[in-house]
Amino acid sequence: MKPAPAIACALVRSFGQGVRQLREARGWSQERLAEQSNLNRSYIGEVERGSVIASLLTVEKLAAALDISPAALLRHGEALYDANHAAA
């Protein structure tokens, strides 16, 4: 299997950072986000670390739990990606 392109990895990490920021802004633990999104707590950690690529269904579940649209959740991660790469 070929390794993922660097840009894809950076986007996945930025998405995870965005999820973590939004979760922490609400004062939620990973456990609370897992309960609200009907996902496993360890999977939430993997998403936040950028270890896994979230499916569209997962994006939808996380967005609903965080009370934002899936598009807004993706835009938040994209903004972090842009900010990280503008600084580099």
PDB file of N, CA and C in Angstrom:
ATOM      1  N   MET A   1       0.838  -1.177   0.000  1.00  0.00           N
ATOM      2  CA  MET A   1       0.000   0.000   0.000  1.00  0.00           C
ATOM      3  C   MET A   1       0.884   1.241   0.000  1.00  0.00           C
ATOM      4  N   LYS A   2       0.531   2.223  -0.824  1.00  0.00           N
ATOM      5  CA  LYS A   2       1.308   3.457  -0.898  1.00  0.00           C
ATOM      6  C   LYS A   2       1.021   4.346   0.304  1.00  0.00           C
ATOM      7  N   PRO A   3       2.041   5.076   0.786  1.00  0.00           N
ATOM      8  CA  PRO A   3       1.770   6.023   1.873  1.00  0.00           C
ATOM      9  C   PRO A   3       0.892   7.165   1.363  1.00  0.00           C
ATOM     10  N   ALA A   4       0.117   7.740   2.277  1.00  0.00           N
ATOM     11  CA  ALA A   4      -0.763   8.857   1.905  1.00  0.00           C
ATOM     12  C   ALA A   4       0.071  10.068   1.545  1.00  0.00           C
ATOM     13  N   PRO A   5      -0.380  10.865   0.572  1.00  0.00           N
ATOM     14  CA  PRO A   5       0.343  12.092   0.240  1.00  0.00           C
ATOM     15  C   PRO A   5       0.422  13.009   1.458  1.00  0.00           C
ATOM     16  N   ALA A   6       1.484  13.790   1.535  1.00  0.00           N
ATOM     17  CA  ALA A   6       1.702  14.668   2.687  1.00  0.00           C
ATOM     18  C   ALA A   6       0.548  15.643   2.883  1.00  0.00           C
ATOM     19  N   ILE A   7      -0.009  16.162   1.799  1.00  0.00           N
ATOM     20  CA  ILE A   7      -1.105  17.123   1.939  1.00  0.00           C
ATOM     21  C   ILE A   7      -2.319  16.467   2.585  1.00  0.00           C
ATOM     22  N   ALA A   8      -2.615  15.226   2.225  1.00  0.00           N
ATOM     23  CA  ALA A   8      -3.749  14.522   2.818  1.00  0.00           C
ATOM     24  C   ALA A   8      -3.528  14.341   4.309  1.00  0.00           C
ATOM     25  N   CYS A   9      -2.320  13.976   4.697  1.00  0.00           N
ATOM     26  CA  CYS A   9      -2.017  13.794   6.115  1.00  0.00           C
ATOM     27  C   CYS A   9      -2.174  15.101   6.877  1.00  0.00           C
ATOM     28  N   ALA A  10      -1.715  16.197   6.285  1.00  0.00           N
ATOM     29  CA  ALA A  10      -1.830  17.505   6.933  1.00  0.00           C
ATOM     30  C   ALA A  10      -3.294  17.911   7.073  1.00  0.00           C
ATOM     31  N   LEU A  11      -4.102  17.635   6.074  1.00  0.00           N
ATOM     32  CA  LEU A  11      -5.529  17.957   6.156  1.00  0.00           C
ATOM     33  C   LEU A  11      -6.220  17.136   7.237  1.00  0.00           C
ATOM     34  N   VAL A  12      -5.861  15.868   7.329  1.00  0.00           N
ATOM     35  CA  VAL A  12      -6.448  14.992   8.341  1.00  0.00           C
ATOM     36  C   VAL A  12      -6.073  15.479   9.735  1.00  0.00           C
ATOM     37  N   ARG A  13      -4.807  15.859   9.922  1.00  0.00           N
ATOM     38  CA  ARG A  13      -4.371  16.394  11.219  1.00  0.00           C
ATOM     39  C   ARG A  13      -5.090  17.698  11.547  1.00  0.00           C
ATOM     40  N   SER A  14      -5.245  18.566  10.562  1.00  0.00           N
ATOM     41  CA  SER A  14      -5.923  19.846  10.785  1.00  0.00           C
ATOM     42  C   SER A  14      -7.395  19.634  11.133  1.00  0.00           C
ATOM     43  N   PHE A  15      -8.038  18.685  10.472  1.00  0.00           N
ATOM     44  CA  PHE A  15      -9.424  18.367  10.809  1.00  0.00           C
ATOM     45  C   PHE A  15      -9.509  17.914  12.262  1.00  0.00           C
ATOM     46  N   GLY A  16      -8.596  17.040  12.662  1.00  0.00           N
ATOM     47  CA  GLY A  16      -8.578  16.558  14.042  1.00  0.00           C
ATOM     48  C   GLY A  16      -8.339  17.676  15.041  1.00  0.00           C
ATOM     49  N   GLN A  17      -7.438  18.598  14.702  1.00  0.00           N
ATOM     50  CA  GLN A  17      -7.203  19.759  15.570  1.00  0.00           C
ATOM     51  C   GLN A  17      -8.485  20.566  15.722  1.00  0.00           C
ATOM     52  N   GLY A  18      -9.199  20.724  14.627  1.00  0.00           N
ATOM     53  CA  GLY A  18     -10.448  21.477  14.665  1.00  0.00           C
ATOM     54  C   GLY A  18     -11.487  20.828  15.558  1.00  0.00           C
ATOM     55  N   VAL A  19     -11.609  19.516  15.457  1.00  0.00           N
ATOM     56  CA  VAL A  19     -12.548  18.788  16.316  1.00  0.00           C
ATOM     57  C   VAL A  19     -12.159  19.002  17.777  1.00  0.00           C
ATOM     58  N   ARG A  20     -10.880  18.859  18.076  1.00  0.00           N
ATOM     59  CA  ARG A  20     -10.411  19.036  19.458  1.00  0.00           C
ATOM     60  C   ARG A  20     -10.713  20.459  19.952  1.00  0.00           C
ATOM     61  N   GLN A  21     -10.420  21.467  19.126  1.00  0.00           N
ATOM     62  CA  GLN A  21     -10.676  22.852  19.532  1.00  0.00           C
ATOM     63  C   GLN A  21     -12.152  23.083  19.843  1.00  0.00           C
ATOM     64  N   LEU A  22     -13.014  22.605  18.972  1.00  0.00           N
ATOM     65  CA  LEU A  22     -14.444  22.804  19.177  1.00  0.00           C
ATOM     66  C   LEU A  22     -14.947  22.038  20.400  1.00  0.00           C
ATOM     67  N   ARG A  23     -14.410  20.843  20.608  1.00  0.00           N
ATOM     68  CA  ARG A  23     -14.787  20.054  21.791  1.00  0.00           C
ATOM     69  C   ARG A  23     -14.348  20.764  23.061  1.00  0.00           C
ATOM     70  N   GLU A  24     -13.086  21.217  23.085  1.00  0.00           N
ATOM     71  CA  GLU A  24     -12.563  21.878  24.272  1.00  0.00           C
ATOM     72  C   GLU A  24     -13.252  23.217  24.526  1.00  0.00           C
ATOM     73  N   ALA A  25     -13.649  23.915  23.463  1.00  0.00           N
ATOM     74  CA  ALA A  25     -14.363  25.190  23.622  1.00  0.00           C
ATOM     75  C   ALA A  25     -15.687  24.990  24.355  1.00  0.00           C
ATOM     76  N   ARG A  26     -16.249  23.794  24.238  1.00  0.00           N
ATOM     77  CA  ARG A  26     -17.491  23.474  24.944  1.00  0.00           C
ATOM     78  C   ARG A  26     -17.233  22.906  26.332  1.00  0.00           C
ATOM     79  N   GLY A  27     -15.953  22.716  26.657  1.00  0.00           N
ATOM     80  CA  GLY A  27     -15.606  22.151  27.957  1.00  0.00           C
ATOM     81  C   GLY A  27     -15.898  20.668  28.053  1.00  0.00           C
ATOM     82  N   TRP A  28     -15.948  20.007  26.901  1.00  0.00           N
ATOM     83  CA  TRP A  28     -16.280  18.595  26.862  1.00  0.00           C
ATOM     84  C   TRP A  28     -15.033  17.726  26.885  1.00  0.00           C
ATOM     85  N   SER A  29     -15.163  16.565  27.500  1.00  0.00           N
ATOM     86  CA  SER A  29     -14.141  15.529  27.419  1.00  0.00           C
ATOM     87  C   SER A  29     -14.358  14.744  26.125  1.00  0.00           C
ATOM     88  N   GLN A  30     -13.380  13.932  25.780  1.00  0.00           N
ATOM     89  CA  GLN A  30     -13.566  13.043  24.629  1.00  0.00           C
ATOM     90  C   GLN A  30     -14.731  12.092  24.889  1.00  0.00           C
ATOM     91  N   GLU A  31     -14.886  11.674  26.136  1.00  0.00           N
ATOM     92  CA  GLU A  31     -15.987  10.778  26.487  1.00  0.00           C
ATOM     93  C   GLU A  31     -17.341  11.434  26.205  1.00  0.00           C
ATOM     94  N   ARG A  32     -17.450  12.712  26.558  1.00  0.00           N
ATOM     95  CA  ARG A  32     -18.723  13.413  26.328  1.00  0.00           C
ATOM     96  C   ARG A  32     -19.011  13.540  24.834  1.00  0.00           C
ATOM     97  N   LEU A  33     -17.990  13.900  24.049  1.00  0.00           N
ATOM     98  CA  LEU A  33     -18.189  13.995  22.604  1.00  0.00           C
ATOM     99  C   LEU A  33     -18.553  12.631  22.029  1.00  0.00           C
ATOM    100  N   ALA A  34     -17.918  11.584  22.531  1.00  0.00           N
ATOM    101  CA  ALA A  34     -18.232  10.229  22.059  1.00  0.00           C
ATOM    102  C   ALA A  34     -19.695   9.890  22.343  1.00  0.00           C
ATOM    103  N   GLU A  35     -20.163  10.217  23.534  1.00  0.00           N
ATOM    104  CA  GLU A  35     -21.558   9.945  23.880  1.00  0.00           C
ATOM    105  C   GLU A  35     -22.503  10.742  22.995  1.00  0.00           C
ATOM    106  N   GLN A  36     -22.204  12.032  22.794  1.00  0.00           N
ATOM    107  CA  GLN A  36     -23.081  12.904  22.015  1.00  0.00           C
ATOM    108  C   GLN A  36     -23.115  12.524  20.533  1.00  0.00           C
ATOM    109  N   SER A  37     -22.010  11.967  20.038  1.00  0.00           N
ATOM    110  CA  SER A  37     -21.914  11.630  18.612  1.00  0.00           C
ATOM    111  C   SER A  37     -22.145  10.150  18.321  1.00  0.00           C
ATOM    112  N   ASN A  38     -22.332   9.355  19.380  1.00  0.00           N
ATOM    113  CA  ASN A  38     -22.505   7.909  19.228  1.00  0.00           C
ATOM    114  C   ASN A  38     -21.297   7.268  18.542  1.00  0.00           C
ATOM    115  N   LEU A  39     -20.118   7.729  18.960  1.00  0.00           N
ATOM    116  CA  LEU A  39     -18.857   7.160  18.486  1.00  0.00           C
ATOM    117  C   LEU A  39     -18.066   6.663  19.681  1.00  0.00           C
ATOM    118  N   ASN A  40     -17.063   5.865  19.434  1.00  0.00           N
ATOM    119  CA  ASN A  40     -16.208   5.333  20.493  1.00  0.00           C
ATOM    120  C   ASN A  40     -15.199   6.384  20.947  1.00  0.00           C
ATOM    121  N   ARG A  41     -14.946   6.480  22.242  1.00  0.00           N
ATOM    122  CA  ARG A  41     -14.020   7.462  22.781  1.00  0.00           C
ATOM    123  C   ARG A  41     -12.628   7.318  22.186  1.00  0.00           C
ATOM    124  N   SER A  42     -12.160   6.111  22.026  1.00  0.00           N
ATOM    125  CA  SER A  42     -10.820   5.920  21.467  1.00  0.00           C
ATOM    126  C   SER A  42     -10.776   6.365  20.006  1.00  0.00           C
ATOM    127  N   TYR A  43     -11.893   6.217  19.287  1.00  0.00           N
ATOM    128  CA  TYR A  43     -11.957   6.682  17.901  1.00  0.00           C
ATOM    129  C   TYR A  43     -11.904   8.209  17.853  1.00  0.00           C
ATOM    130  N   ILE A  44     -12.574   8.870  18.786  1.00  0.00           N
ATOM    131  CA  ILE A  44     -12.506  10.336  18.876  1.00  0.00           C
ATOM    132  C   ILE A  44     -11.046  10.756  19.034  1.00  0.00           C
ATOM    133  N   GLY A  45     -10.306  10.074  19.892  1.00  0.00           N
ATOM    134  CA  GLY A  45      -8.887  10.379  20.081  1.00  0.00           C
ATOM    135  C   GLY A  45      -8.085  10.196  18.804  1.00  0.00           C
ATOM    136  N   GLU A  46      -8.388   9.155  18.061  1.00  0.00           N
ATOM    137  CA  GLU A  46      -7.686   8.920  16.792  1.00  0.00           C
ATOM    138  C   GLU A  46      -7.995  10.016  15.777  1.00  0.00           C
ATOM    139  N   VAL A  47      -9.246  10.447  15.728  1.00  0.00           N
ATOM    140  CA  VAL A  47      -9.625  11.536  14.829  1.00  0.00           C
ATOM    141  C   VAL A  47      -8.870  12.802  15.219  1.00  0.00           C
ATOM    142  N   GLU A  48      -8.867  13.123  16.506  1.00  0.00           N
ATOM    143  CA  GLU A  48      -8.210  14.342  16.978  1.00  0.00           C
ATOM    144  C   GLU A  48      -6.700  14.329  16.736  1.00  0.00           C
ATOM    145  N   ARG A  49      -6.089  13.166  16.796  1.00  0.00           N
ATOM    146  CA  ARG A  49      -4.641  13.057  16.538  1.00  0.00           C
ATOM    147  C   ARG A  49      -4.316  12.990  15.047  1.00  0.00           C
ATOM    148  N   GLY A  50      -5.345  12.832  14.224  1.00  0.00           N
ATOM    149  CA  GLY A  50      -5.117  12.705  12.791  1.00  0.00           C
ATOM    150  C   GLY A  50      -4.615  11.337  12.400  1.00  0.00           C
ATOM    151  N   SER A  51      -4.907  10.344  13.228  1.00  0.00           N
ATOM    152  CA  SER A  51      -4.470   8.967  12.964  1.00  0.00           C
ATOM    153  C   SER A  51      -5.391   8.239  11.994  1.00  0.00           C
ATOM    154  N   VAL A  52      -6.618   8.727  11.872  1.00  0.00           N
ATOM    155  CA  VAL A  52      -7.598   8.108  10.980  1.00  0.00           C
ATOM    156  C   VAL A  52      -8.243   9.197  10.122  1.00  0.00           C
ATOM    157  N   ILE A  53      -8.750   8.785   8.994  1.00  0.00           N
ATOM    158  CA  ILE A  53      -9.480   9.694   8.117  1.00  0.00           C
ATOM    159  C   ILE A  53     -10.968   9.492   8.416  1.00  0.00           C
ATOM    160  N   ALA A  54     -11.611  10.539   8.906  1.00  0.00           N
ATOM    161  CA  ALA A  54     -13.023  10.450   9.264  1.00  0.00           C
ATOM    162  C   ALA A  54     -13.872  10.304   8.002  1.00  0.00           C
ATOM    163  N   SER A  55     -14.815   9.381   8.053  1.00  0.00           N
ATOM    164  CA  SER A  55     -15.753   9.221   6.944  1.00  0.00           C
ATOM    165  C   SER A  55     -16.757  10.373   6.960  1.00  0.00           C
ATOM    166  N   LEU A  56     -17.502  10.499   5.893  1.00  0.00           N
ATOM    167  CA  LEU A  56     -18.547  11.531   5.849  1.00  0.00           C
ATOM    168  C   LEU A  56     -19.602  11.296   6.928  1.00  0.00           C
ATOM    169  N   LEU A  57     -19.904  10.051   7.214  1.00  0.00           N
ATOM    170  CA  LEU A  57     -20.857   9.743   8.281  1.00  0.00           C
ATOM    171  C   LEU A  57     -20.315  10.214   9.631  1.00  0.00           C
ATOM    172  N   THR A  58     -19.018   9.997   9.857  1.00  0.00           N
ATOM    173  CA  THR A  58     -18.395  10.447  11.104  1.00  0.00           C
ATOM    174  C   THR A  58     -18.404  11.968  11.192  1.00  0.00           C
ATOM    175  N   VAL A  59     -18.101  12.645  10.087  1.00  0.00           N
ATOM    176  CA  VAL A  59     -18.150  14.112  10.065  1.00  0.00           C
ATOM    177  C   VAL A  59     -19.556  14.580  10.425  1.00  0.00           C
ATOM    178  N   GLU A  60     -20.554  13.933   9.856  1.00  0.00           N
ATOM    179  CA  GLU A  60     -21.947  14.295  10.141  1.00  0.00           C
ATOM    180  C   GLU A  60     -22.281  14.096  11.622  1.00  0.00           C
ATOM    181  N   LYS A  61     -21.853  12.980  12.204  1.00  0.00           N
ATOM    182  CA  LYS A  61     -22.120  12.703  13.620  1.00  0.00           C
ATOM    183  C   LYS A  61     -21.414  13.713  14.524  1.00  0.00           C
ATOM    184  N   LEU A  62     -20.149  14.010  14.215  1.00  0.00           N
ATOM    185  CA  LEU A  62     -19.405  14.972  15.032  1.00  0.00           C
ATOM    186  C   LEU A  62     -20.024  16.361  14.932  1.00  0.00           C
ATOM    187  N   ALA A  63     -20.382  16.762  13.724  1.00  0.00           N
ATOM    188  CA  ALA A  63     -20.987  18.081  13.530  1.00  0.00           C
ATOM    189  C   ALA A  63     -22.302  18.197  14.295  1.00  0.00           C
ATOM    190  N   ALA A  64     -23.139  17.181  14.218  1.00  0.00           N
ATOM    191  CA  ALA A  64     -24.414  17.207  14.935  1.00  0.00           C
ATOM    192  C   ALA A  64     -24.182  17.315  16.440  1.00  0.00           C
ATOM    193  N   ALA A  65     -23.226  16.563  16.946  1.00  0.00           N
ATOM    194  CA  ALA A  65     -22.922  16.606  18.378  1.00  0.00           C
ATOM    195  C   ALA A  65     -22.416  17.987  18.790  1.00  0.00           C
ATOM    196  N   LEU A  66     -21.626  18.617  17.919  1.00  0.00           N
ATOM    197  CA  LEU A  66     -21.058  19.934  18.219  1.00  0.00           C
ATOM    198  C   LEU A  66     -22.004  21.074  17.825  1.00  0.00           C
ATOM    199  N   ASP A  67     -23.171  20.722  17.309  1.00  0.00           N
ATOM    200  CA  ASP A  67     -24.213  21.679  16.934  1.00  0.00           C
ATOM    201  C   ASP A  67     -23.756  22.667  15.861  1.00  0.00           C
ATOM    202  N   ILE A  68     -23.061  22.141  14.865  1.00  0.00           N
ATOM    203  CA  ILE A  68     -22.673  22.932  13.691  1.00  0.00           C
ATOM    204  C   ILE A  68     -22.946  22.078  12.454  1.00  0.00           C
ATOM    205  N   SER A  69     -22.902  22.687  11.304  1.00  0.00           N
ATOM    206  CA  SER A  69     -23.123  21.920  10.077  1.00  0.00           C
ATOM    207  C   SER A  69     -21.856  21.138   9.725  1.00  0.00           C
ATOM    208  N   PRO A  70     -22.007  20.045   9.002  1.00  0.00           N
ATOM    209  CA  PRO A  70     -20.816  19.325   8.552  1.00  0.00           C
ATOM    210  C   PRO A  70     -19.879  20.229   7.750  1.00  0.00           C
ATOM    211  N   ALA A  71     -20.442  21.095   6.920  1.00  0.00           N
ATOM    212  CA  ALA A  71     -19.610  22.012   6.130  1.00  0.00           C
ATOM    213  C   ALA A  71     -18.811  22.950   7.035  1.00  0.00           C
ATOM    214  N   ALA A  72     -19.430  23.443   8.101  1.00  0.00           N
ATOM    215  CA  ALA A  72     -18.726  24.337   9.030  1.00  0.00           C
ATOM    216  C   ALA A  72     -17.595  23.594   9.745  1.00  0.00           C
ATOM    217  N   LEU A  73     -17.836  22.334  10.082  1.00  0.00           N
ATOM    218  CA  LEU A  73     -16.788  21.539  10.727  1.00  0.00           C
ATOM    219  C   LEU A  73     -15.608  21.346   9.783  1.00  0.00           C
ATOM    220  N   LEU A  74     -15.899  21.037   8.535  1.00  0.00           N
ATOM    221  CA  LEU A  74     -14.836  20.871   7.545  1.00  0.00           C
ATOM    222  C   LEU A  74     -14.106  22.192   7.290  1.00  0.00           C
ATOM    223  N   ARG A  75     -14.848  23.297   7.217  1.00  0.00           N
ATOM    224  CA  ARG A  75     -14.225  24.615   7.007  1.00  0.00           C
ATOM    225  C   ARG A  75     -13.302  24.975   8.163  1.00  0.00           C
ATOM    226  N   HIS A  76     -13.703  24.612   9.384  1.00  0.00           N
ATOM    227  CA  HIS A  76     -12.864  24.895  10.552  1.00  0.00           C
ATOM    228  C   HIS A  76     -11.515  24.179  10.413  1.00  0.00           C
ATOM    229  N   GLY A  77     -11.548  22.914  10.045  1.00  0.00           N
ATOM    230  CA  GLY A  77     -10.308  22.163   9.832  1.00  0.00           C
ATOM    231  C   GLY A  77      -9.498  22.735   8.681  1.00  0.00           C
ATOM    232  N   GLU A  78     -10.178  23.163   7.623  1.00  0.00           N
ATOM    233  CA  GLU A  78      -9.484  23.751   6.477  1.00  0.00           C
ATOM    234  C   GLU A  78      -8.813  25.072   6.860  1.00  0.00           C
ATOM    235  N   ALA A  79      -9.466  25.869   7.687  1.00  0.00           N
ATOM    236  CA  ALA A  79      -8.875  27.130   8.144  1.00  0.00           C
ATOM    237  C   ALA A  79      -7.611  26.869   8.954  1.00  0.00           C
ATOM    238  N   LEU A  80      -7.625  25.836   9.780  1.00  0.00           N
ATOM    239  CA  LEU A  80      -6.426  25.471  10.547  1.00  0.00           C
ATOM    240  C   LEU A  80      -5.313  25.010   9.615  1.00  0.00           C
ATOM    241  N   TYR A  81      -5.690  24.244   8.604  1.00  0.00           N
ATOM    242  CA  TYR A  81      -4.714  23.795   7.610  1.00  0.00           C
ATOM    243  C   TYR A  81      -4.070  24.999   6.932  1.00  0.00           C
ATOM    244  N   ASP A  82      -4.906  25.941   6.493  1.00  0.00           N
ATOM    245  CA  ASP A  82      -4.394  27.145   5.821  1.00  0.00           C
ATOM    246  C   ASP A  82      -3.484  27.939   6.752  1.00  0.00           C
ATOM    247  N   ALA A  83      -3.892  28.089   8.002  1.00  0.00           N
ATOM    248  CA  ALA A  83      -3.097  28.850   8.975  1.00  0.00           C
ATOM    249  C   ALA A  83      -1.765  28.161   9.245  1.00  0.00           C
ATOM    250  N   ASN A  84      -1.778  26.847   9.357  1.00  0.00           N
ATOM    251  CA  ASN A  84      -0.538  26.104   9.618  1.00  0.00           C
ATOM    252  C   ASN A  84       0.419  26.194   8.450  1.00  0.00           C
ATOM    253  N   HIS A  85      -0.116  26.223   7.238  1.00  0.00           N
ATOM    254  CA  HIS A  85       0.750  26.258   6.068  1.00  0.00           C
ATOM    255  C   HIS A  85       1.163  27.668   5.655  1.00  0.00           C
ATOM    256  N   ALA A  86       0.413  28.657   6.072  1.00  0.00           N
ATOM    257  CA  ALA A  86       0.810  30.041   5.823  1.00  0.00           C
ATOM    258  C   ALA A  86       1.995  30.413   6.708  1.00  0.00           C
ATOM    259  N   ALA A  87       2.017  29.831   7.918  1.00  0.00           N
ATOM    260  CA  ALA A  87       3.095  30.103   8.877  1.00  0.00           C
ATOM    261  C   ALA A  87       4.382  29.358   8.509  1.00  0.00           C
ATOM    262  N   ALA A  88       4.238  28.270   7.738  1.00  0.00           N
ATOM    263  CA  ALA A  88       5.404  27.451   7.397  1.00  0.00           C
ATOM    264  C   ALA A  88       6.256  28.050   6.312  1.00  0.00           C
TER     265      ALA A  88
END
